[in-house]
Amino acid sequence: MILQVAALKKGEGQFLVYNAEVLLSSLEAGFSDGEHSPFKISLEAAYLSGRVIIKGTWEVHIVGECSRCLEETPYTVKENFYEEFTHLQGCGEPGEGLAREDVKEGDIFTFKGDLLNLAEYLRQSLLMAQPLKVLCRDECKGLCVVCGKNKNKEQCECAEASIDPRWAMLQEIKKKG
């Protein structure tokens, strides 16, 4: 998604509304477009004192792998955001896009030229918002540790795993208590 800074400068201090759908493959975040919905973005942007301020939400429906049973499962990632981008005027070629600069106070997004390309910002935001664990459902039973069968679909005849000998003493203490 690319914002034209000249349009924002005309109404300095006023927020303009943008809605877009971006293909996940264009963000180069490791997702293909086949199984996933487009990346839906709704934002407001304003130019104020040499900065572009954006705020809004994005949402995407993704098909991933359940962490317990390894079955494909759809899930939704949604995020609210507020970010400021410092406009480095008079530097570089028009439309150079987005860079990130580290300073003592924190990370500052900067850009050069007349175009603000949000692709890298959106890619990073998507990757940071990914859940640590994707589950097909909260009560997913997962895979049998012995035979590997999906316990959600069929019950296996495997014996329960014996207790690790290093923890056996704790089991005896628990029985006495």
N, C-alpha and C. Protein backbone atom coordinates (compact mmCIF):
# COMPACT_ATOMS: atom_id res chain seq x y z
N MET A 1 0.85 -1.17 0.00
CA MET A 1 0.00 0.00 0.00
C MET A 1 0.90 1.23 0.00
N ILE A 2 0.63 2.13 -0.91
CA ILE A 2 1.45 3.33 -1.07
C ILE A 2 0.58 4.56 -0.87
N LEU A 3 1.05 5.46 0.00
CA LEU A 3 0.34 6.73 0.24
C LEU A 3 1.08 7.84 -0.50
N GLN A 4 0.34 8.73 -1.14
CA GLN A 4 0.94 9.87 -1.82
C GLN A 4 1.01 11.03 -0.82
N VAL A 5 2.21 11.44 -0.51
CA VAL A 5 2.43 12.46 0.51
C VAL A 5 1.88 13.81 0.06
N ALA A 6 1.94 14.11 -1.23
CA ALA A 6 1.44 15.40 -1.73
C ALA A 6 -0.04 15.57 -1.41
N ALA A 7 -0.82 14.51 -1.53
CA ALA A 7 -2.25 14.59 -1.22
C ALA A 7 -2.47 14.85 0.26
N LEU A 8 -1.62 14.27 1.10
CA LEU A 8 -1.75 14.49 2.54
C LEU A 8 -1.31 15.89 2.92
N LYS A 9 -0.29 16.42 2.23
CA LYS A 9 0.21 17.78 2.53
C LYS A 9 -0.83 18.85 2.23
N LYS A 10 -1.65 18.61 1.19
CA LYS A 10 -2.66 19.60 0.81
C LYS A 10 -3.62 19.88 1.95
N GLY A 11 -3.99 18.85 2.67
CA GLY A 11 -4.91 19.03 3.80
C GLY A 11 -4.18 18.81 5.12
N GLU A 12 -3.03 19.48 5.28
CA GLU A 12 -2.18 19.23 6.46
C GLU A 12 -2.99 19.28 7.75
N GLY A 13 -2.80 18.24 8.55
CA GLY A 13 -3.48 18.14 9.84
C GLY A 13 -4.82 17.44 9.78
N GLN A 14 -5.34 17.20 8.58
CA GLN A 14 -6.63 16.52 8.43
C GLN A 14 -6.39 15.08 8.01
N PHE A 15 -7.17 14.19 8.60
CA PHE A 15 -7.02 12.77 8.29
C PHE A 15 -7.81 12.42 7.04
N LEU A 16 -7.15 11.68 6.13
CA LEU A 16 -7.80 11.13 4.95
C LEU A 16 -7.99 9.63 5.17
N VAL A 17 -9.11 9.10 4.69
CA VAL A 17 -9.44 7.69 4.89
C VAL A 17 -8.98 6.87 3.69
N TYR A 18 -8.36 5.73 3.99
CA TYR A 18 -7.90 4.80 2.96
C TYR A 18 -8.38 3.40 3.32
N ASN A 19 -8.89 2.68 2.35
CA ASN A 19 -9.26 1.28 2.50
C ASN A 19 -8.60 0.52 1.35
N ALA A 20 -8.02 -0.60 1.67
CA ALA A 20 -7.34 -1.37 0.62
C ALA A 20 -7.33 -2.84 0.97
N GLU A 21 -7.16 -3.65 -0.07
CA GLU A 21 -6.93 -5.08 0.08
C GLU A 21 -5.62 -5.38 -0.63
N VAL A 22 -4.70 -5.99 0.11
CA VAL A 22 -3.37 -6.28 -0.40
C VAL A 22 -3.17 -7.79 -0.41
N LEU A 23 -2.59 -8.32 -1.47
CA LEU A 23 -2.28 -9.75 -1.52
C LEU A 23 -1.14 -10.06 -0.55
N LEU A 24 -1.29 -11.15 0.19
CA LEU A 24 -0.26 -11.52 1.16
C LEU A 24 1.09 -11.76 0.50
N SER A 25 1.10 -12.29 -0.69
CA SER A 25 2.37 -12.57 -1.37
C SER A 25 3.15 -11.28 -1.63
N SER A 26 2.46 -10.15 -1.79
CA SER A 26 3.16 -8.89 -2.04
C SER A 26 3.89 -8.38 -0.80
N LEU A 27 3.53 -8.88 0.38
CA LEU A 27 4.19 -8.46 1.61
C LEU A 27 5.45 -9.28 1.90
N GLU A 28 5.66 -10.35 1.13
CA GLU A 28 6.82 -11.21 1.29
C GLU A 28 6.99 -11.66 2.74
N ALA A 29 5.90 -12.14 3.34
CA ALA A 29 5.92 -12.58 4.73
C ALA A 29 5.89 -14.11 4.84
N GLY A 30 6.05 -14.81 3.73
CA GLY A 30 6.07 -16.27 3.76
C GLY A 30 4.70 -16.91 3.59
N PHE A 31 3.69 -16.15 3.20
CA PHE A 31 2.36 -16.69 2.98
C PHE A 31 2.05 -16.64 1.50
N SER A 32 1.35 -17.69 1.01
CA SER A 32 0.91 -17.67 -0.38
C SER A 32 -0.51 -17.13 -0.41
N ASP A 33 -1.00 -16.78 -1.59
CA ASP A 33 -2.33 -16.21 -1.70
C ASP A 33 -3.43 -17.25 -1.84
N GLY A 34 -3.09 -18.47 -2.20
CA GLY A 34 -4.08 -19.49 -2.52
C GLY A 34 -5.10 -19.75 -1.43
N GLU A 35 -4.65 -19.96 -0.19
CA GLU A 35 -5.55 -20.38 0.88
C GLU A 35 -5.97 -19.23 1.78
N HIS A 36 -5.43 -18.06 1.59
CA HIS A 36 -5.65 -16.96 2.50
C HIS A 36 -6.47 -15.85 1.84
N SER A 37 -7.18 -15.12 2.69
CA SER A 37 -7.92 -13.99 2.17
C SER A 37 -6.96 -12.82 1.97
N PRO A 38 -7.37 -11.80 1.25
CA PRO A 38 -6.51 -10.62 1.11
C PRO A 38 -6.32 -9.94 2.47
N PHE A 39 -5.26 -9.23 2.59
CA PHE A 39 -4.92 -8.44 3.77
C PHE A 39 -5.76 -7.17 3.69
N LYS A 40 -6.78 -7.03 4.55
CA LYS A 40 -7.70 -5.89 4.49
C LYS A 40 -7.22 -4.80 5.45
N ILE A 41 -7.05 -3.61 4.89
CA ILE A 41 -6.53 -2.49 5.66
C ILE A 41 -7.52 -1.33 5.61
N SER A 42 -7.78 -0.78 6.76
CA SER A 42 -8.61 0.42 6.86
C SER A 42 -7.82 1.40 7.73
N LEU A 43 -7.43 2.53 7.14
CA LEU A 43 -6.61 3.47 7.91
C LEU A 43 -6.96 4.91 7.60
N GLU A 44 -6.55 5.76 8.52
CA GLU A 44 -6.63 7.20 8.34
C GLU A 44 -5.20 7.72 8.38
N ALA A 45 -4.88 8.66 7.49
CA ALA A 45 -3.52 9.21 7.43
C ALA A 45 -3.59 10.73 7.37
N ALA A 46 -2.62 11.36 8.04
CA ALA A 46 -2.53 12.82 8.02
C ALA A 46 -1.07 13.23 7.98
N TYR A 47 -0.82 14.39 7.36
CA TYR A 47 0.52 14.97 7.34
C TYR A 47 0.53 16.10 8.35
N LEU A 48 1.51 16.09 9.26
CA LEU A 48 1.57 17.10 10.30
C LEU A 48 3.02 17.36 10.68
N SER A 49 3.49 18.56 10.46
CA SER A 49 4.84 18.99 10.86
C SER A 49 5.94 18.03 10.42
N GLY A 50 5.94 17.67 9.16
CA GLY A 50 7.00 16.82 8.62
C GLY A 50 6.87 15.35 8.97
N ARG A 51 5.70 14.95 9.45
CA ARG A 51 5.45 13.56 9.79
C ARG A 51 4.13 13.11 9.15
N VAL A 52 4.08 11.83 8.81
CA VAL A 52 2.82 11.22 8.38
C VAL A 52 2.36 10.34 9.53
N ILE A 53 1.15 10.56 9.98
CA ILE A 53 0.57 9.79 11.07
C ILE A 53 -0.48 8.87 10.47
N ILE A 54 -0.39 7.58 10.79
CA ILE A 54 -1.41 6.64 10.33
C ILE A 54 -2.00 5.93 11.54
N LYS A 55 -3.29 5.65 11.45
CA LYS A 55 -3.96 4.88 12.49
C LYS A 55 -5.08 4.10 11.82
N GLY A 56 -5.37 2.94 12.38
CA GLY A 56 -6.43 2.14 11.78
C GLY A 56 -6.36 0.69 12.23
N THR A 57 -6.91 -0.19 11.38
CA THR A 57 -6.93 -1.62 11.67
C THR A 57 -6.60 -2.39 10.39
N TRP A 58 -6.12 -3.59 10.58
CA TRP A 58 -5.97 -4.53 9.47
C TRP A 58 -6.42 -5.89 9.95
N GLU A 59 -6.81 -6.72 8.97
CA GLU A 59 -7.31 -8.06 9.28
C GLU A 59 -7.01 -8.98 8.12
N VAL A 60 -6.69 -10.23 8.45
CA VAL A 60 -6.45 -11.23 7.42
C VAL A 60 -6.88 -12.59 7.96
N HIS A 61 -7.46 -13.41 7.09
CA HIS A 61 -7.84 -14.78 7.43
C HIS A 61 -6.79 -15.70 6.80
N ILE A 62 -6.18 -16.53 7.63
CA ILE A 62 -5.07 -17.37 7.20
C ILE A 62 -5.39 -18.83 7.49
N VAL A 63 -4.88 -19.71 6.66
CA VAL A 63 -4.98 -21.15 6.92
C VAL A 63 -3.60 -21.60 7.40
N GLY A 64 -3.57 -22.16 8.61
CA GLY A 64 -2.31 -22.60 9.18
C GLY A 64 -2.42 -24.02 9.68
N GLU A 65 -1.42 -24.46 10.41
CA GLU A 65 -1.35 -25.81 10.92
C GLU A 65 -1.55 -25.79 12.43
N CYS A 66 -2.46 -26.62 12.93
CA CYS A 66 -2.70 -26.73 14.36
C CYS A 66 -1.41 -27.21 15.04
N SER A 67 -1.06 -26.60 16.13
CA SER A 67 0.18 -26.95 16.84
C SER A 67 0.12 -28.30 17.53
N ARG A 68 -1.08 -28.81 17.76
CA ARG A 68 -1.21 -30.09 18.46
C ARG A 68 -1.45 -31.27 17.52
N CYS A 69 -2.38 -31.12 16.56
CA CYS A 69 -2.74 -32.26 15.71
C CYS A 69 -2.22 -32.14 14.27
N LEU A 70 -1.64 -31.01 13.92
CA LEU A 70 -1.05 -30.74 12.61
C LEU A 70 -2.06 -30.67 11.48
N GLU A 71 -3.36 -30.57 11.78
CA GLU A 71 -4.39 -30.42 10.75
C GLU A 71 -4.44 -28.96 10.30
N GLU A 72 -4.79 -28.74 9.03
CA GLU A 72 -4.97 -27.38 8.55
C GLU A 72 -6.15 -26.74 9.25
N THR A 73 -5.97 -25.51 9.69
CA THR A 73 -7.04 -24.82 10.41
C THR A 73 -7.03 -23.34 10.05
N PRO A 74 -8.20 -22.78 9.80
CA PRO A 74 -8.25 -21.34 9.52
C PRO A 74 -8.22 -20.54 10.82
N TYR A 75 -7.58 -19.39 10.77
CA TYR A 75 -7.60 -18.47 11.91
C TYR A 75 -7.51 -17.04 11.39
N THR A 76 -7.88 -16.11 12.24
CA THR A 76 -7.90 -14.71 11.86
C THR A 76 -6.88 -13.94 12.69
N VAL A 77 -6.15 -13.07 12.03
CA VAL A 77 -5.23 -12.17 12.72
C VAL A 77 -5.73 -10.77 12.46
N LYS A 78 -5.90 -10.00 13.54
CA LYS A 78 -6.44 -8.65 13.45
C LYS A 78 -5.62 -7.75 14.35
N GLU A 79 -5.36 -6.54 13.91
CA GLU A 79 -4.51 -5.65 14.69
C GLU A 79 -4.97 -4.20 14.52
N ASN A 80 -4.93 -3.46 15.62
CA ASN A 80 -5.11 -2.00 15.58
C ASN A 80 -3.72 -1.40 15.59
N PHE A 81 -3.53 -0.28 14.92
CA PHE A 81 -2.21 0.33 14.88
C PHE A 81 -2.29 1.84 14.90
N TYR A 82 -1.19 2.43 15.34
CA TYR A 82 -0.97 3.87 15.31
C TYR A 82 0.53 4.04 15.11
N GLU A 83 0.93 4.75 14.09
CA GLU A 83 2.36 4.89 13.81
C GLU A 83 2.63 6.26 13.20
N GLU A 84 3.86 6.75 13.43
CA GLU A 84 4.31 8.01 12.85
C GLU A 84 5.53 7.74 11.98
N PHE A 85 5.58 8.39 10.84
CA PHE A 85 6.69 8.26 9.89
C PHE A 85 7.26 9.65 9.67
N THR A 86 8.56 9.81 9.89
CA THR A 86 9.21 11.10 9.70
C THR A 86 9.62 11.25 8.24
N HIS A 87 9.23 12.39 7.66
CA HIS A 87 9.50 12.67 6.25
C HIS A 87 10.87 13.35 6.14
N LEU A 88 11.82 12.68 5.52
CA LEU A 88 13.15 13.24 5.28
C LEU A 88 13.09 13.99 3.96
N GLN A 89 12.80 15.27 4.02
CA GLN A 89 12.60 16.06 2.82
C GLN A 89 13.93 16.46 2.20
N GLY A 90 13.94 16.52 0.87
CA GLY A 90 15.12 16.92 0.14
C GLY A 90 16.20 15.85 0.07
N CYS A 91 15.88 14.63 0.50
CA CYS A 91 16.86 13.54 0.48
C CYS A 91 16.40 12.46 -0.48
N GLY A 92 17.31 11.91 -1.21
CA GLY A 92 17.02 10.71 -2.01
C GLY A 92 16.11 10.97 -3.19
N GLU A 93 15.83 9.90 -3.87
CA GLU A 93 14.98 9.93 -5.04
C GLU A 93 13.52 9.84 -4.63
N PRO A 94 12.62 10.44 -5.40
CA PRO A 94 11.19 10.32 -5.09
C PRO A 94 10.76 8.86 -5.08
N GLY A 95 9.94 8.53 -4.11
CA GLY A 95 9.39 7.18 -4.04
C GLY A 95 10.36 6.13 -3.54
N GLU A 96 11.41 6.53 -2.81
CA GLU A 96 12.36 5.54 -2.31
C GLU A 96 11.75 4.62 -1.28
N GLY A 97 10.66 5.02 -0.69
CA GLY A 97 9.97 4.11 0.21
C GLY A 97 10.31 4.31 1.66
N LEU A 98 10.41 3.22 2.39
CA LEU A 98 10.45 3.24 3.84
C LEU A 98 11.76 2.69 4.35
N ALA A 99 12.30 3.34 5.34
CA ALA A 99 13.50 2.84 6.03
C ALA A 99 13.22 2.90 7.52
N ARG A 100 14.03 2.24 8.29
CA ARG A 100 13.88 2.28 9.75
C ARG A 100 15.21 2.74 10.32
N GLU A 101 15.13 3.66 11.26
CA GLU A 101 16.32 4.22 11.86
C GLU A 101 16.27 3.97 13.36
N ASP A 102 17.33 3.43 13.93
CA ASP A 102 17.38 3.19 15.37
C ASP A 102 17.99 4.38 16.07
N VAL A 103 17.32 4.87 17.10
CA VAL A 103 17.83 5.96 17.93
C VAL A 103 17.64 5.57 19.39
N LYS A 104 18.25 6.32 20.28
CA LYS A 104 18.22 5.97 21.69
C LYS A 104 16.80 5.91 22.26
N GLU A 105 15.92 6.78 21.83
CA GLU A 105 14.57 6.82 22.38
C GLU A 105 13.69 5.67 21.88
N GLY A 106 14.09 5.00 20.83
CA GLY A 106 13.29 3.92 20.26
C GLY A 106 13.44 3.89 18.76
N ASP A 107 12.59 3.13 18.12
CA ASP A 107 12.64 3.02 16.66
C ASP A 107 11.79 4.13 16.03
N ILE A 108 12.34 4.73 15.01
CA ILE A 108 11.62 5.77 14.27
C ILE A 108 11.54 5.34 12.82
N PHE A 109 10.36 5.37 12.24
CA PHE A 109 10.20 5.09 10.83
C PHE A 109 10.47 6.39 10.07
N THR A 110 11.25 6.29 9.01
CA THR A 110 11.51 7.45 8.17
C THR A 110 11.26 7.06 6.71
N PHE A 111 11.00 8.07 5.89
CA PHE A 111 10.85 7.82 4.45
C PHE A 111 11.32 9.04 3.69
N LYS A 112 11.64 8.84 2.41
CA LYS A 112 12.12 9.90 1.54
C LYS A 112 11.19 9.98 0.34
N GLY A 113 11.13 11.14 -0.26
CA GLY A 113 10.38 11.29 -1.50
C GLY A 113 8.91 11.60 -1.27
N ASP A 114 8.14 11.44 -2.35
CA ASP A 114 6.73 11.81 -2.34
C ASP A 114 5.80 10.64 -2.08
N LEU A 115 6.34 9.44 -1.91
CA LEU A 115 5.52 8.26 -1.69
C LEU A 115 5.91 7.59 -0.38
N LEU A 116 4.93 7.14 0.35
CA LEU A 116 5.17 6.38 1.57
C LEU A 116 4.68 4.96 1.33
N ASN A 117 5.61 4.05 1.17
CA ASN A 117 5.28 2.65 0.92
C ASN A 117 5.13 1.94 2.26
N LEU A 118 3.93 1.45 2.57
CA LEU A 118 3.65 0.82 3.86
C LEU A 118 3.86 -0.69 3.85
N ALA A 119 4.34 -1.26 2.75
CA ALA A 119 4.47 -2.71 2.63
C ALA A 119 5.35 -3.31 3.72
N GLU A 120 6.51 -2.72 3.97
CA GLU A 120 7.42 -3.26 4.98
C GLU A 120 6.82 -3.11 6.39
N TYR A 121 6.19 -1.99 6.66
CA TYR A 121 5.55 -1.79 7.96
C TYR A 121 4.45 -2.84 8.17
N LEU A 122 3.62 -3.07 7.15
CA LEU A 122 2.54 -4.05 7.25
C LEU A 122 3.08 -5.47 7.38
N ARG A 123 4.15 -5.78 6.67
CA ARG A 123 4.78 -7.10 6.76
C ARG A 123 5.26 -7.36 8.18
N GLN A 124 5.96 -6.40 8.76
CA GLN A 124 6.46 -6.55 10.13
C GLN A 124 5.30 -6.66 11.13
N SER A 125 4.28 -5.88 10.92
CA SER A 125 3.11 -5.90 11.80
C SER A 125 2.42 -7.26 11.75
N LEU A 126 2.29 -7.82 10.55
CA LEU A 126 1.67 -9.14 10.39
C LEU A 126 2.49 -10.22 11.08
N LEU A 127 3.79 -10.19 10.88
CA LEU A 127 4.65 -11.21 11.48
C LEU A 127 4.64 -11.10 13.01
N MET A 128 4.62 -9.91 13.55
CA MET A 128 4.60 -9.72 15.00
C MET A 128 3.27 -10.13 15.61
N ALA A 129 2.19 -10.05 14.85
CA ALA A 129 0.85 -10.36 15.37
C ALA A 129 0.50 -11.84 15.29
N GLN A 130 1.35 -12.64 14.66
CA GLN A 130 1.05 -14.07 14.53
C GLN A 130 0.99 -14.72 15.92
N PRO A 131 0.00 -15.58 16.14
CA PRO A 131 -0.06 -16.26 17.43
C PRO A 131 1.11 -17.23 17.59
N LEU A 132 1.55 -17.42 18.82
CA LEU A 132 2.64 -18.36 19.07
C LEU A 132 2.19 -19.78 18.78
N LYS A 133 0.92 -20.05 19.06
CA LYS A 133 0.38 -21.39 18.88
C LYS A 133 -0.97 -21.28 18.19
N VAL A 134 -1.14 -21.97 17.09
CA VAL A 134 -2.42 -22.03 16.39
C VAL A 134 -3.09 -23.34 16.78
N LEU A 135 -4.33 -23.27 17.25
CA LEU A 135 -5.08 -24.47 17.61
C LEU A 135 -6.34 -24.56 16.78
N CYS A 136 -6.68 -25.78 16.35
CA CYS A 136 -7.92 -25.97 15.59
C CYS A 136 -9.13 -25.73 16.50
N ARG A 137 -8.98 -26.07 17.77
CA ARG A 137 -9.98 -25.78 18.80
C ARG A 137 -9.30 -25.93 20.16
N ASP A 138 -9.85 -25.30 21.18
CA ASP A 138 -9.21 -25.30 22.50
C ASP A 138 -9.04 -26.70 23.07
N GLU A 139 -9.99 -27.57 22.80
CA GLU A 139 -9.94 -28.93 23.38
C GLU A 139 -9.27 -29.95 22.46
N CYS A 140 -8.44 -29.50 21.54
CA CYS A 140 -7.73 -30.39 20.63
C CYS A 140 -6.90 -31.38 21.45
N LYS A 141 -7.01 -32.68 21.12
CA LYS A 141 -6.31 -33.73 21.85
C LYS A 141 -4.91 -33.99 21.30
N GLY A 142 -4.63 -33.52 20.10
CA GLY A 142 -3.30 -33.66 19.53
C GLY A 142 -3.02 -35.04 18.97
N LEU A 143 -1.75 -35.35 18.83
CA LEU A 143 -1.30 -36.63 18.28
C LEU A 143 -0.83 -37.54 19.41
N CYS A 144 -0.99 -38.83 19.21
CA CYS A 144 -0.48 -39.82 20.17
C CYS A 144 1.04 -39.78 20.10
N VAL A 145 1.68 -39.70 21.26
CA VAL A 145 3.14 -39.63 21.28
C VAL A 145 3.80 -40.95 20.92
N VAL A 146 3.03 -42.06 20.96
CA VAL A 146 3.59 -43.37 20.66
C VAL A 146 3.41 -43.71 19.18
N CYS A 147 2.15 -43.70 18.69
CA CYS A 147 1.89 -44.14 17.31
C CYS A 147 1.67 -42.99 16.33
N GLY A 148 1.42 -41.77 16.82
CA GLY A 148 1.26 -40.62 15.94
C GLY A 148 -0.13 -40.41 15.38
N LYS A 149 -1.13 -41.20 15.82
CA LYS A 149 -2.50 -41.03 15.33
C LYS A 149 -3.10 -39.75 15.90
N ASN A 150 -3.99 -39.15 15.11
CA ASN A 150 -4.70 -37.96 15.54
C ASN A 150 -5.78 -38.38 16.53
N LYS A 151 -5.65 -38.01 17.80
CA LYS A 151 -6.58 -38.42 18.84
C LYS A 151 -7.97 -37.80 18.67
N ASN A 152 -8.09 -36.74 17.86
CA ASN A 152 -9.39 -36.13 17.60
C ASN A 152 -10.24 -37.00 16.68
N LYS A 153 -9.59 -37.80 15.83
CA LYS A 153 -10.30 -38.61 14.84
C LYS A 153 -10.46 -40.06 15.25
N GLU A 154 -9.48 -40.61 15.94
CA GLU A 154 -9.56 -42.02 16.34
C GLU A 154 -8.80 -42.24 17.64
N GLN A 155 -9.28 -43.18 18.40
CA GLN A 155 -8.64 -43.53 19.66
C GLN A 155 -7.64 -44.65 19.39
N CYS A 156 -6.44 -44.51 19.87
CA CYS A 156 -5.45 -45.56 19.65
C CYS A 156 -5.39 -46.48 20.87
N GLU A 157 -4.74 -47.59 20.70
CA GLU A 157 -4.64 -48.60 21.77
C GLU A 157 -3.30 -48.53 22.51
N CYS A 158 -2.59 -47.46 22.32
CA CYS A 158 -1.27 -47.33 22.94
C CYS A 158 -1.41 -47.14 24.45
N ALA A 159 -0.47 -47.73 25.18
CA ALA A 159 -0.46 -47.57 26.63
C ALA A 159 0.01 -46.16 26.96
N GLU A 160 -0.48 -45.64 28.06
CA GLU A 160 -0.03 -44.32 28.50
C GLU A 160 1.47 -44.37 28.75
N ALA A 161 2.13 -43.34 28.42
CA ALA A 161 3.58 -43.30 28.60
C ALA A 161 3.92 -43.42 30.08
N SER A 162 4.92 -44.22 30.36
CA SER A 162 5.33 -44.37 31.76
C SER A 162 6.02 -43.10 32.21
N ILE A 163 6.07 -42.93 33.51
CA ILE A 163 6.67 -41.73 34.07
C ILE A 163 8.18 -41.83 33.94
N ASP A 164 8.78 -40.73 33.59
CA ASP A 164 10.23 -40.63 33.48
C ASP A 164 10.82 -41.00 34.84
N PRO A 165 11.80 -41.89 34.88
CA PRO A 165 12.37 -42.33 36.16
C PRO A 165 12.91 -41.18 37.01
N ARG A 166 13.30 -40.10 36.37
CA ARG A 166 13.81 -38.96 37.13
C ARG A 166 12.71 -38.29 37.96
N TRP A 167 11.45 -38.51 37.57
CA TRP A 167 10.32 -37.90 38.28
C TRP A 167 9.56 -38.91 39.14
N ALA A 168 9.99 -40.14 39.16
CA ALA A 168 9.28 -41.20 39.88
C ALA A 168 9.12 -40.90 41.37
N MET A 169 10.14 -40.32 41.98
CA MET A 169 10.06 -40.01 43.41
C MET A 169 8.96 -39.00 43.70
N LEU A 170 8.73 -38.06 42.81
CA LEU A 170 7.66 -37.08 43.01
C LEU A 170 6.29 -37.78 42.96
N GLN A 171 6.16 -38.78 42.10
CA GLN A 171 4.91 -39.53 42.00
C GLN A 171 4.62 -40.26 43.33
N GLU A 172 5.65 -40.81 43.95
CA GLU A 172 5.48 -41.50 45.23
C GLU A 172 5.11 -40.51 46.32
N ILE A 173 5.72 -39.35 46.35
CA ILE A 173 5.38 -38.31 47.33
C ILE A 173 3.93 -37.89 47.17
N LYS A 174 3.48 -37.75 45.92
CA LYS A 174 2.11 -37.36 45.65
C LYS A 174 1.12 -38.40 46.17
N LYS A 175 1.44 -39.68 46.03
CA LYS A 175 0.58 -40.78 46.52
C LYS A 175 0.48 -40.75 48.04
N LYS A 176 1.56 -40.44 48.75
CA LYS A 176 1.57 -40.40 50.20
C LYS A 176 0.80 -39.20 50.75
N GLY A 177 0.82 -38.09 49.99
CA GLY A 177 0.22 -36.84 50.46
C GLY A 177 -1.24 -36.89 50.36
